[in-house]
Amino acid sequence: MIGCTKLICGKATVSEAIKYREGEIPPHLLQFSTNSRPIVVWNLNNRCNLSCKHCYIEAKDEKQKGELTTGQAKGFIEDLGKLKIPVLLFSGGEPLLREDIYELAAWADKEGIRPVLSTN
């Protein structure tokens, strides 16, 4: 796997520090290595606007049973904030198909969590 953060930003991640042992990575590349809290990847939905043959999820562009409401999602984000989670990666399906995605990202930011989006 290619470390995109390291390639783009010139900074290693915690997983690289663990993988390559901290002593082998220059200290200036270890931006997040002192933070032992996990990064959370949250599959917000199973919806998708594409029909890729390789996709394991076979998603449709329609709301699925069991998706959290905006209020429930904000409550979950608040819980993550209490745990001092540094990064919340919104994924899916396709997270941009949630009408409230920007509201949830702003809520994460308000809770001190860096929101990141994984989209197709």
C-alpha atoms as a PDB file:
ATOM      1  CA  MET A   1       0.000   0.000   0.000  1.00  0.00           C
ATOM      2  CA  ILE A   2       1.249   3.492  -0.837  1.00  0.00           C
ATOM      3  CA  GLY A   3       1.281   5.979   2.037  1.00  0.00           C
ATOM      4  CA  CYS A   4      -0.575   8.874   0.360  1.00  0.00           C
ATOM      5  CA  THR A   5      -0.240  11.143   3.392  1.00  0.00           C
ATOM      6  CA  LYS A   6       3.519  10.708   3.316  1.00  0.00           C
ATOM      7  CA  LEU A   7       3.702  11.210  -0.455  1.00  0.00           C
ATOM      8  CA  ILE A   8       1.483  14.289  -0.569  1.00  0.00           C
ATOM      9  CA  CYS A   9       2.258  15.969   2.746  1.00  0.00           C
ATOM     10  CA  GLY A  10       5.729  14.624   3.494  1.00  0.00           C
ATOM     11  CA  LYS A  11       4.462  13.311   6.840  1.00  0.00           C
ATOM     12  CA  ALA A  12       4.127   9.755   8.056  1.00  0.00           C
ATOM     13  CA  THR A  13       1.104   8.384   9.855  1.00  0.00           C
ATOM     14  CA  VAL A  14       0.790   6.344  13.035  1.00  0.00           C
ATOM     15  CA  SER A  15       0.384   3.127  11.046  1.00  0.00           C
ATOM     16  CA  GLU A  16       3.660   3.783   9.230  1.00  0.00           C
ATOM     17  CA  ALA A  17       5.392   4.419  12.533  1.00  0.00           C
ATOM     18  CA  ILE A  18       4.172   1.078  13.831  1.00  0.00           C
ATOM     19  CA  LYS A  19       4.912  -0.733  10.568  1.00  0.00           C
ATOM     20  CA  TYR A  20       8.444   0.609  10.177  1.00  0.00           C
ATOM     21  CA  ARG A  21       9.263   1.156  13.863  1.00  0.00           C
ATOM     22  CA  GLU A  22       9.571   4.771  14.946  1.00  0.00           C
ATOM     23  CA  GLY A  23      13.359   4.656  15.133  1.00  0.00           C
ATOM     24  CA  GLU A  24      13.576   4.162  11.372  1.00  0.00           C
ATOM     25  CA  ILE A  25      11.432   7.175  10.425  1.00  0.00           C
ATOM     26  CA  PRO A  26      12.847  10.694  10.865  1.00  0.00           C
ATOM     27  CA  PRO A  27      11.099  12.479  13.762  1.00  0.00           C
ATOM     28  CA  HIS A  28       9.819  15.333  11.565  1.00  0.00           C
ATOM     29  CA  LEU A  29       7.731  12.807   9.594  1.00  0.00           C
ATOM     30  CA  LEU A  30       5.856  11.547  12.653  1.00  0.00           C
ATOM     31  CA  GLN A  31       3.145  14.203  12.798  1.00  0.00           C
ATOM     32  CA  PHE A  32       0.478  11.946  14.321  1.00  0.00           C
ATOM     33  CA  SER A  33       2.578   9.242  15.977  1.00  0.00           C
ATOM     34  CA  THR A  34       2.271  10.694  19.483  1.00  0.00           C
ATOM     35  CA  ASN A  35      -1.522  10.435  19.254  1.00  0.00           C
ATOM     36  CA  SER A  36      -2.461   6.844  20.047  1.00  0.00           C
ATOM     37  CA  ARG A  37      -6.190   7.387  19.549  1.00  0.00           C
ATOM     38  CA  PRO A  38      -7.732   5.586  16.562  1.00  0.00           C
ATOM     39  CA  ILE A  39      -8.927   7.194  13.379  1.00  0.00           C
ATOM     40  CA  VAL A  40     -12.561   6.218  12.830  1.00  0.00           C
ATOM     41  CA  VAL A  41     -13.815   5.222   9.375  1.00  0.00           C
ATOM     42  CA  TRP A  42     -17.601   5.474   9.355  1.00  0.00           C
ATOM     43  CA  ASN A  43     -19.634   3.956   6.537  1.00  0.00           C
ATOM     44  CA  LEU A  44     -22.492   6.450   6.728  1.00  0.00           C
ATOM     45  CA  ASN A  45     -24.684   4.603   4.260  1.00  0.00           C
ATOM     46  CA  ASN A  46     -24.814   1.846   1.680  1.00  0.00           C
ATOM     47  CA  ARG A  47     -26.078   4.150  -1.064  1.00  0.00           C
ATOM     48  CA  CYS A  48     -24.105   4.739  -4.240  1.00  0.00           C
ATOM     49  CA  ASN A  49     -24.729   6.582  -7.491  1.00  0.00           C
ATOM     50  CA  LEU A  50     -22.459   4.238  -9.471  1.00  0.00           C
ATOM     51  CA  SER A  51     -22.795   0.586 -10.470  1.00  0.00           C
ATOM     52  CA  CYS A  52     -19.198  -0.586 -10.488  1.00  0.00           C
ATOM     53  CA  LYS A  53     -18.815  -4.270 -11.370  1.00  0.00           C
ATOM     54  CA  HIS A  54     -16.021  -4.722  -8.838  1.00  0.00           C
ATOM     55  CA  CYS A  55     -18.014  -3.296  -5.914  1.00  0.00           C
ATOM     56  CA  TYR A  56     -18.666  -5.654  -3.034  1.00  0.00           C
ATOM     57  CA  ILE A  57     -21.608  -3.697  -1.680  1.00  0.00           C
ATOM     58  CA  GLU A  58     -24.007  -3.790  -4.677  1.00  0.00           C
ATOM     59  CA  ALA A  59     -25.445  -0.479  -3.513  1.00  0.00           C
ATOM     60  CA  LYS A  60     -28.353   1.396  -5.008  1.00  0.00           C
ATOM     61  CA  ASP A  61     -29.029   5.130  -4.980  1.00  0.00           C
ATOM     62  CA  GLU A  62     -31.829   4.868  -2.415  1.00  0.00           C
ATOM     63  CA  LYS A  63     -32.052   5.212   1.339  1.00  0.00           C
ATOM     64  CA  GLN A  64     -31.376   1.941   3.138  1.00  0.00           C
ATOM     65  CA  LYS A  65     -33.088   0.533   6.198  1.00  0.00           C
ATOM     66  CA  GLY A  66     -31.162   1.264   9.382  1.00  0.00           C
ATOM     67  CA  GLU A  67     -29.429   4.500   8.354  1.00  0.00           C
ATOM     68  CA  LEU A  68     -29.046   6.854  11.295  1.00  0.00           C
ATOM     69  CA  THR A  69     -31.074  10.044  11.399  1.00  0.00           C
ATOM     70  CA  THR A  70     -29.236  13.360  11.556  1.00  0.00           C
ATOM     71  CA  GLY A  71     -29.874  13.544  15.306  1.00  0.00           C
ATOM     72  CA  GLN A  72     -28.604  10.007  15.894  1.00  0.00           C
ATOM     73  CA  ALA A  73     -25.528  10.689  13.760  1.00  0.00           C
ATOM     74  CA  LYS A  74     -24.766  13.866  15.721  1.00  0.00           C
ATOM     75  CA  GLY A  75     -25.110  11.910  18.968  1.00  0.00           C
ATOM     76  CA  PHE A  76     -22.611   9.348  17.683  1.00  0.00           C
ATOM     77  CA  ILE A  77     -20.197  12.141  16.712  1.00  0.00           C
ATOM     78  CA  GLU A  78     -20.574  13.669  20.187  1.00  0.00           C
ATOM     79  CA  ASP A  79     -19.651  10.283  21.687  1.00  0.00           C
ATOM     80  CA  LEU A  80     -16.548  10.163  19.473  1.00  0.00           C
ATOM     81  CA  GLY A  81     -15.678  13.690  20.619  1.00  0.00           C
ATOM     82  CA  LYS A  82     -15.820  12.573  24.255  1.00  0.00           C
ATOM     83  CA  LEU A  83     -13.364   9.809  23.351  1.00  0.00           C
ATOM     84  CA  LYS A  84     -11.032  12.454  21.833  1.00  0.00           C
ATOM     85  CA  ILE A  85     -11.006  10.757  18.428  1.00  0.00           C
ATOM     86  CA  PRO A  86      -8.673  12.888  16.247  1.00  0.00           C
ATOM     87  CA  VAL A  87     -10.068  12.071  12.784  1.00  0.00           C
ATOM     88  CA  LEU A  88     -13.446  10.881  11.496  1.00  0.00           C
ATOM     89  CA  LEU A  89     -13.408   9.623   7.916  1.00  0.00           C
ATOM     90  CA  PHE A  90     -16.884   9.692   6.380  1.00  0.00           C
ATOM     91  CA  SER A  91     -17.187   6.831   3.908  1.00  0.00           C
ATOM     92  CA  GLY A  92     -19.904   4.619   2.499  1.00  0.00           C
ATOM     93  CA  GLY A  93     -21.378   3.722  -0.032  1.00  0.00           C
ATOM     94  CA  GLU A  94     -21.250   7.312  -1.151  1.00  0.00           C
ATOM     95  CA  PRO A  95     -21.363   9.744   1.790  1.00  0.00           C
ATOM     96  CA  LEU A  96     -22.223  12.700  -0.464  1.00  0.00           C
ATOM     97  CA  LEU A  97     -25.636  11.124  -1.059  1.00  0.00           C
ATOM     98  CA  ARG A  98     -26.561  11.986   2.530  1.00  0.00           C
ATOM     99  CA  GLU A  99     -28.318  15.330   2.475  1.00  0.00           C
ATOM    100  CA  ASP A 100     -26.816  16.199   5.872  1.00  0.00           C
ATOM    101  CA  ILE A 101     -23.173  15.318   5.136  1.00  0.00           C
ATOM    102  CA  TYR A 102     -21.940  18.916   5.424  1.00  0.00           C
ATOM    103  CA  GLU A 103     -23.896  19.403   8.635  1.00  0.00           C
ATOM    104  CA  LEU A 104     -22.335  16.227  10.076  1.00  0.00           C
ATOM    105  CA  ALA A 105     -18.839  17.311   9.008  1.00  0.00           C
ATOM    106  CA  ALA A 106     -19.371  20.697  10.689  1.00  0.00           C
ATOM    107  CA  TRP A 107     -20.649  18.906  13.806  1.00  0.00           C
ATOM    108  CA  ALA A 108     -17.502  16.770  13.908  1.00  0.00           C
ATOM    109  CA  ASP A 109     -15.370  19.900  13.618  1.00  0.00           C
ATOM    110  CA  LYS A 110     -17.351  21.521  16.448  1.00  0.00           C
ATOM    111  CA  GLU A 111     -16.594  18.438  18.574  1.00  0.00           C
ATOM    112  CA  GLY A 112     -12.849  18.832  17.933  1.00  0.00           C
ATOM    113  CA  ILE A 113     -12.677  16.013  15.396  1.00  0.00           C
ATOM    114  CA  ARG A 114     -11.065  16.518  11.999  1.00  0.00           C
ATOM    115  CA  PRO A 115     -13.661  15.482   9.382  1.00  0.00           C
ATOM    116  CA  VAL A 116     -12.354  13.711   6.275  1.00  0.00           C
ATOM    117  CA  LEU A 117     -14.400  12.577   3.281  1.00  0.00           C
ATOM    118  CA  SER A 118     -13.875   9.415   1.226  1.00  0.00           C
ATOM    119  CA  THR A 119     -15.932   9.743  -1.944  1.00  0.00           C
ATOM    120  CA  ASN A 120     -16.060   8.226  -5.383  1.00  0.00           C
END
